Amino acid sequence: MAIIITDECINCGACEPECPNTAIYEGADDWRYADGTDLSGDIVLPNGKAASANEAQEPLSDEIYYIVPDKCTECVGFHDEPQCAAVCPVDCCVPDPANEETREQLVSKQKFMHND
């Protein structure tokens, strides 16, 4: 399950530098699959979605920091727990019930994004 930032976010930015997948962006900022990953060119995500890794994508929020579910691995492959949730001073980084994934899916996504 990906992590989501709730509307209790105070826009402190503590979470953004902690994300090993660069899945967290400031509100209104465009994002790219290539940001902080080894992805480039045309890609097909583990969930079957086709995309261009370098193409700017629309922000998921214009007001608060947001997490791109396709890039979030809950820090699997890097840390024992989601680092955004660990550093959030208002506990607004929580599991996203709309994006449930197994540990195996999260591992697969991490390996897809990072050529370790």
N, C-alpha and C. Protein backbone atom coordinates (compact mmCIF):
# COMPACT_ATOMS: atom_id res chain seq x y z
N MET A 1 0.84 -1.17 0.00
CA MET A 1 0.00 0.00 0.00
C MET A 1 0.89 1.23 0.00
N ALA A 2 0.63 2.15 -0.88
CA ALA A 2 1.38 3.39 -0.92
C ALA A 2 1.00 4.24 0.28
N ILE A 3 1.78 5.25 0.52
CA ILE A 3 1.51 6.21 1.58
C ILE A 3 0.86 7.43 0.94
N ILE A 4 -0.02 8.07 1.67
CA ILE A 4 -0.68 9.29 1.21
C ILE A 4 -0.45 10.38 2.26
N ILE A 5 -0.40 11.61 1.81
CA ILE A 5 -0.29 12.75 2.72
C ILE A 5 -1.68 13.35 2.86
N THR A 6 -2.18 13.41 4.06
CA THR A 6 -3.54 13.92 4.29
C THR A 6 -3.55 15.45 4.29
N ASP A 7 -4.75 16.00 4.30
CA ASP A 7 -4.88 17.45 4.25
C ASP A 7 -4.51 18.14 5.56
N GLU A 8 -4.08 17.35 6.56
CA GLU A 8 -3.54 17.95 7.79
C GLU A 8 -2.09 18.43 7.59
N CYS A 9 -1.52 18.17 6.41
CA CYS A 9 -0.15 18.57 6.10
C CYS A 9 0.05 20.06 6.34
N ILE A 10 1.15 20.40 7.01
CA ILE A 10 1.47 21.81 7.29
C ILE A 10 2.53 22.34 6.33
N ASN A 11 2.85 21.58 5.28
CA ASN A 11 3.83 21.98 4.26
C ASN A 11 5.21 22.30 4.84
N CYS A 12 5.63 21.52 5.83
CA CYS A 12 6.94 21.75 6.43
C CYS A 12 8.07 21.22 5.54
N GLY A 13 7.77 20.23 4.70
CA GLY A 13 8.77 19.69 3.78
C GLY A 13 9.71 18.67 4.38
N ALA A 14 9.50 18.26 5.62
CA ALA A 14 10.40 17.29 6.26
C ALA A 14 10.43 15.96 5.53
N CYS A 15 9.33 15.58 4.92
CA CYS A 15 9.21 14.27 4.28
C CYS A 15 9.96 14.18 2.95
N GLU A 16 9.95 15.25 2.19
CA GLU A 16 10.46 15.20 0.81
C GLU A 16 11.89 14.66 0.69
N PRO A 17 12.86 15.17 1.45
CA PRO A 17 14.23 14.66 1.27
C PRO A 17 14.44 13.25 1.80
N GLU A 18 13.50 12.74 2.58
CA GLU A 18 13.62 11.40 3.16
C GLU A 18 13.25 10.29 2.18
N CYS A 19 12.53 10.62 1.12
CA CYS A 19 12.01 9.60 0.21
C CYS A 19 13.10 9.06 -0.71
N PRO A 20 13.42 7.77 -0.62
CA PRO A 20 14.47 7.19 -1.47
C PRO A 20 14.07 7.04 -2.93
N ASN A 21 12.78 7.19 -3.22
CA ASN A 21 12.28 7.06 -4.59
C ASN A 21 11.94 8.40 -5.24
N THR A 22 12.15 9.49 -4.52
CA THR A 22 11.73 10.81 -4.97
C THR A 22 10.27 10.75 -5.42
N ALA A 23 9.43 10.21 -4.54
CA ALA A 23 8.00 10.09 -4.82
C ALA A 23 7.21 11.22 -4.19
N ILE A 24 7.87 12.07 -3.40
CA ILE A 24 7.18 13.16 -2.70
C ILE A 24 7.54 14.48 -3.35
N TYR A 25 6.51 15.26 -3.62
CA TYR A 25 6.68 16.55 -4.30
C TYR A 25 5.91 17.64 -3.57
N GLU A 26 6.41 18.85 -3.67
CA GLU A 26 5.72 20.00 -3.10
C GLU A 26 4.46 20.28 -3.93
N GLY A 27 3.40 20.68 -3.27
CA GLY A 27 2.16 21.00 -3.95
C GLY A 27 2.39 21.91 -5.14
N ALA A 28 1.71 21.64 -6.24
CA ALA A 28 1.76 22.39 -7.50
C ALA A 28 3.00 22.10 -8.34
N ASP A 29 3.95 21.32 -7.83
CA ASP A 29 5.14 20.97 -8.62
C ASP A 29 4.84 19.78 -9.53
N ASP A 30 5.27 19.88 -10.80
CA ASP A 30 5.20 18.75 -11.71
C ASP A 30 6.13 17.65 -11.21
N TRP A 31 5.88 16.42 -11.64
CA TRP A 31 6.74 15.30 -11.26
C TRP A 31 7.05 14.45 -12.49
N ARG A 32 8.09 13.62 -12.37
CA ARG A 32 8.50 12.72 -13.44
C ARG A 32 8.86 11.36 -12.85
N TYR A 33 8.58 10.31 -13.60
CA TYR A 33 9.00 8.97 -13.17
C TYR A 33 10.52 8.90 -13.05
N ALA A 34 11.24 9.65 -13.87
CA ALA A 34 12.70 9.60 -13.87
C ALA A 34 13.32 10.25 -12.64
N ASP A 35 12.61 11.17 -12.00
CA ASP A 35 13.16 11.87 -10.83
C ASP A 35 13.60 10.88 -9.76
N GLY A 36 14.89 10.87 -9.45
CA GLY A 36 15.42 10.04 -8.38
C GLY A 36 15.41 8.54 -8.65
N THR A 37 15.19 8.15 -9.89
CA THR A 37 15.18 6.73 -10.24
C THR A 37 16.14 6.49 -11.40
N ASP A 38 16.24 5.24 -11.82
CA ASP A 38 17.06 4.89 -12.98
C ASP A 38 16.22 4.80 -14.25
N LEU A 39 14.97 5.24 -14.19
CA LEU A 39 14.07 5.14 -15.34
C LEU A 39 14.36 6.23 -16.36
N SER A 40 14.20 5.87 -17.64
CA SER A 40 14.36 6.85 -18.72
C SER A 40 13.60 6.35 -19.95
N GLY A 41 13.24 7.28 -20.81
CA GLY A 41 12.55 6.91 -22.05
C GLY A 41 11.16 6.37 -21.79
N ASP A 42 10.66 5.60 -22.76
CA ASP A 42 9.33 4.99 -22.63
C ASP A 42 9.43 3.79 -21.70
N ILE A 43 8.50 3.72 -20.76
CA ILE A 43 8.51 2.65 -19.77
C ILE A 43 7.12 2.02 -19.65
N VAL A 44 7.10 0.80 -19.15
CA VAL A 44 5.85 0.15 -18.77
C VAL A 44 6.02 -0.23 -17.30
N LEU A 45 5.21 0.38 -16.45
CA LEU A 45 5.30 0.17 -15.01
C LEU A 45 4.88 -1.26 -14.65
N PRO A 46 5.30 -1.74 -13.48
CA PRO A 46 4.90 -3.08 -13.05
C PRO A 46 3.37 -3.29 -13.03
N ASN A 47 2.62 -2.19 -12.88
CA ASN A 47 1.15 -2.31 -12.88
C ASN A 47 0.56 -2.29 -14.29
N GLY A 48 1.44 -2.24 -15.33
CA GLY A 48 1.01 -2.29 -16.71
C GLY A 48 0.82 -0.94 -17.38
N LYS A 49 0.89 0.14 -16.62
CA LYS A 49 0.70 1.48 -17.16
C LYS A 49 1.93 1.89 -17.99
N ALA A 50 1.68 2.39 -19.20
CA ALA A 50 2.77 2.89 -20.05
C ALA A 50 2.93 4.39 -19.82
N ALA A 51 4.18 4.85 -19.84
CA ALA A 51 4.46 6.26 -19.61
C ALA A 51 5.82 6.62 -20.19
N SER A 52 6.08 7.90 -20.24
CA SER A 52 7.40 8.40 -20.59
C SER A 52 8.06 8.86 -19.30
N ALA A 53 9.19 8.27 -18.97
CA ALA A 53 9.85 8.55 -17.70
C ALA A 53 10.26 10.01 -17.55
N ASN A 54 10.59 10.66 -18.65
CA ASN A 54 11.09 12.03 -18.58
C ASN A 54 10.03 13.10 -18.77
N GLU A 55 8.81 12.69 -19.10
CA GLU A 55 7.74 13.65 -19.35
C GLU A 55 7.17 14.18 -18.03
N ALA A 56 7.00 15.50 -17.97
CA ALA A 56 6.42 16.12 -16.78
C ALA A 56 4.97 15.68 -16.63
N GLN A 57 4.62 15.31 -15.41
CA GLN A 57 3.26 14.88 -15.07
C GLN A 57 2.59 15.97 -14.22
N GLU A 58 1.28 16.04 -14.32
CA GLU A 58 0.52 17.03 -13.56
C GLU A 58 0.64 16.76 -12.05
N PRO A 59 0.72 17.83 -11.25
CA PRO A 59 0.75 17.65 -9.79
C PRO A 59 -0.51 16.94 -9.30
N LEU A 60 -0.36 16.13 -8.26
CA LEU A 60 -1.50 15.45 -7.67
C LEU A 60 -2.20 16.32 -6.64
N SER A 61 -1.53 17.41 -6.24
CA SER A 61 -2.12 18.40 -5.33
C SER A 61 -1.54 19.76 -5.66
N ASP A 62 -2.35 20.77 -5.58
CA ASP A 62 -1.87 22.14 -5.78
C ASP A 62 -1.61 22.84 -4.46
N GLU A 63 -1.98 22.21 -3.34
CA GLU A 63 -1.94 22.90 -2.06
C GLU A 63 -0.94 22.34 -1.05
N ILE A 64 -0.81 21.01 -1.01
CA ILE A 64 0.06 20.39 -0.01
C ILE A 64 1.02 19.43 -0.71
N TYR A 65 2.04 19.01 0.03
CA TYR A 65 2.95 17.98 -0.48
C TYR A 65 2.12 16.75 -0.83
N TYR A 66 2.59 16.01 -1.82
CA TYR A 66 1.86 14.81 -2.23
C TYR A 66 2.85 13.70 -2.58
N ILE A 67 2.35 12.47 -2.55
CA ILE A 67 3.15 11.28 -2.86
C ILE A 67 2.58 10.63 -4.12
N VAL A 68 3.45 10.34 -5.07
CA VAL A 68 3.04 9.67 -6.31
C VAL A 68 2.94 8.17 -6.01
N PRO A 69 1.73 7.61 -6.04
CA PRO A 69 1.57 6.18 -5.69
C PRO A 69 2.40 5.24 -6.56
N ASP A 70 2.55 5.57 -7.85
CA ASP A 70 3.33 4.70 -8.74
C ASP A 70 4.81 4.66 -8.39
N LYS A 71 5.28 5.62 -7.59
CA LYS A 71 6.70 5.64 -7.20
C LYS A 71 6.92 5.25 -5.74
N CYS A 72 5.87 5.22 -4.94
CA CYS A 72 6.00 4.92 -3.51
C CYS A 72 6.12 3.42 -3.28
N THR A 73 7.17 3.04 -2.55
CA THR A 73 7.36 1.63 -2.18
C THR A 73 7.30 1.45 -0.66
N GLU A 74 6.79 2.46 0.06
CA GLU A 74 6.79 2.45 1.52
C GLU A 74 8.21 2.24 2.05
N CYS A 75 9.19 2.64 1.29
CA CYS A 75 10.61 2.53 1.61
C CYS A 75 11.11 1.09 1.62
N VAL A 76 10.31 0.14 1.12
CA VAL A 76 10.74 -1.26 0.99
C VAL A 76 11.97 -1.29 0.08
N GLY A 77 12.97 -2.02 0.51
CA GLY A 77 14.21 -2.09 -0.24
C GLY A 77 15.24 -1.08 0.24
N PHE A 78 14.82 -0.17 1.10
CA PHE A 78 15.72 0.86 1.63
C PHE A 78 15.71 0.92 3.15
N HIS A 79 14.52 0.93 3.75
CA HIS A 79 14.37 1.12 5.20
C HIS A 79 13.32 0.15 5.74
N ASP A 80 13.28 0.03 7.07
CA ASP A 80 12.32 -0.87 7.72
C ASP A 80 10.92 -0.27 7.84
N GLU A 81 10.80 1.05 7.66
CA GLU A 81 9.51 1.71 7.76
C GLU A 81 9.50 2.92 6.83
N PRO A 82 8.32 3.39 6.44
CA PRO A 82 8.24 4.57 5.59
C PRO A 82 8.87 5.78 6.29
N GLN A 83 9.87 6.35 5.67
CA GLN A 83 10.60 7.45 6.29
C GLN A 83 9.78 8.73 6.36
N CYS A 84 8.87 8.94 5.41
CA CYS A 84 8.03 10.14 5.46
C CYS A 84 7.20 10.14 6.74
N ALA A 85 6.62 8.99 7.07
CA ALA A 85 5.80 8.88 8.27
C ALA A 85 6.66 9.04 9.53
N ALA A 86 7.89 8.53 9.48
CA ALA A 86 8.77 8.59 10.64
C ALA A 86 9.16 10.03 10.99
N VAL A 87 9.28 10.90 9.98
CA VAL A 87 9.73 12.27 10.25
C VAL A 87 8.61 13.30 10.28
N CYS A 88 7.40 12.92 9.92
CA CYS A 88 6.29 13.87 9.85
C CYS A 88 5.90 14.36 11.24
N PRO A 89 5.97 15.67 11.48
CA PRO A 89 5.65 16.19 12.82
C PRO A 89 4.15 16.19 13.15
N VAL A 90 3.30 16.03 12.14
CA VAL A 90 1.85 16.04 12.40
C VAL A 90 1.19 14.71 12.02
N ASP A 91 1.98 13.69 11.78
CA ASP A 91 1.47 12.34 11.48
C ASP A 91 0.45 12.33 10.35
N CYS A 92 0.75 13.02 9.26
CA CYS A 92 -0.20 13.04 8.14
C CYS A 92 0.24 12.15 6.98
N CYS A 93 1.32 11.39 7.13
CA CYS A 93 1.75 10.42 6.12
C CYS A 93 1.23 9.06 6.59
N VAL A 94 0.17 8.61 5.93
CA VAL A 94 -0.53 7.40 6.38
C VAL A 94 -0.73 6.45 5.21
N PRO A 95 -1.01 5.16 5.49
CA PRO A 95 -1.29 4.21 4.40
C PRO A 95 -2.48 4.67 3.56
N ASP A 96 -2.35 4.47 2.26
CA ASP A 96 -3.38 4.88 1.31
C ASP A 96 -4.24 3.66 0.95
N PRO A 97 -5.46 3.57 1.49
CA PRO A 97 -6.29 2.39 1.21
C PRO A 97 -6.68 2.26 -0.26
N ALA A 98 -6.54 3.32 -1.04
CA ALA A 98 -6.87 3.27 -2.46
C ALA A 98 -5.74 2.67 -3.29
N ASN A 99 -4.57 2.44 -2.67
CA ASN A 99 -3.42 1.89 -3.38
C ASN A 99 -2.76 0.79 -2.56
N GLU A 100 -3.48 -0.30 -2.37
CA GLU A 100 -2.96 -1.43 -1.60
C GLU A 100 -2.06 -2.29 -2.47
N GLU A 101 -0.89 -2.65 -1.92
CA GLU A 101 0.07 -3.50 -2.62
C GLU A 101 0.68 -4.47 -1.62
N THR A 102 1.04 -5.64 -2.10
CA THR A 102 1.72 -6.62 -1.25
C THR A 102 3.19 -6.23 -1.13
N ARG A 103 3.86 -6.83 -0.18
CA ARG A 103 5.30 -6.60 -0.03
C ARG A 103 6.03 -7.00 -1.32
N GLU A 104 5.60 -8.09 -1.94
CA GLU A 104 6.24 -8.54 -3.19
C GLU A 104 6.06 -7.51 -4.30
N GLN A 105 4.89 -6.90 -4.38
CA GLN A 105 4.66 -5.85 -5.38
C GLN A 105 5.55 -4.63 -5.10
N LEU A 106 5.70 -4.28 -3.83
CA LEU A 106 6.55 -3.14 -3.47
C LEU A 106 8.01 -3.41 -3.81
N VAL A 107 8.46 -4.64 -3.54
CA VAL A 107 9.84 -5.04 -3.88
C VAL A 107 10.03 -4.97 -5.39
N SER A 108 9.08 -5.48 -6.14
CA SER A 108 9.15 -5.46 -7.60
C SER A 108 9.22 -4.03 -8.12
N LYS A 109 8.42 -3.15 -7.56
CA LYS A 109 8.42 -1.75 -7.97
C LYS A 109 9.77 -1.09 -7.66
N GLN A 110 10.32 -1.39 -6.48
CA GLN A 110 11.62 -0.81 -6.10
C GLN A 110 12.71 -1.27 -7.06
N LYS A 111 12.71 -2.55 -7.39
CA LYS A 111 13.73 -3.09 -8.30
C LYS A 111 13.55 -2.53 -9.71
N PHE A 112 12.31 -2.30 -10.13
CA PHE A 112 12.03 -1.72 -11.43
C PHE A 112 12.59 -0.30 -11.54
N MET A 113 12.45 0.47 -10.47
CA MET A 113 12.89 1.88 -10.50
C MET A 113 14.39 2.06 -10.28
N HIS A 114 15.02 1.10 -9.61
CA HIS A 114 16.42 1.25 -9.26
C HIS A 114 17.21 0.01 -9.70
N ASN A 115 18.12 0.21 -10.63
CA ASN A 115 18.96 -0.90 -11.12
C ASN A 115 20.07 -1.17 -10.12
N ASP A 116 19.73 -1.88 -9.05
CA ASP A 116 20.73 -2.17 -8.01
C ASP A 116 21.69 -3.25 -8.43
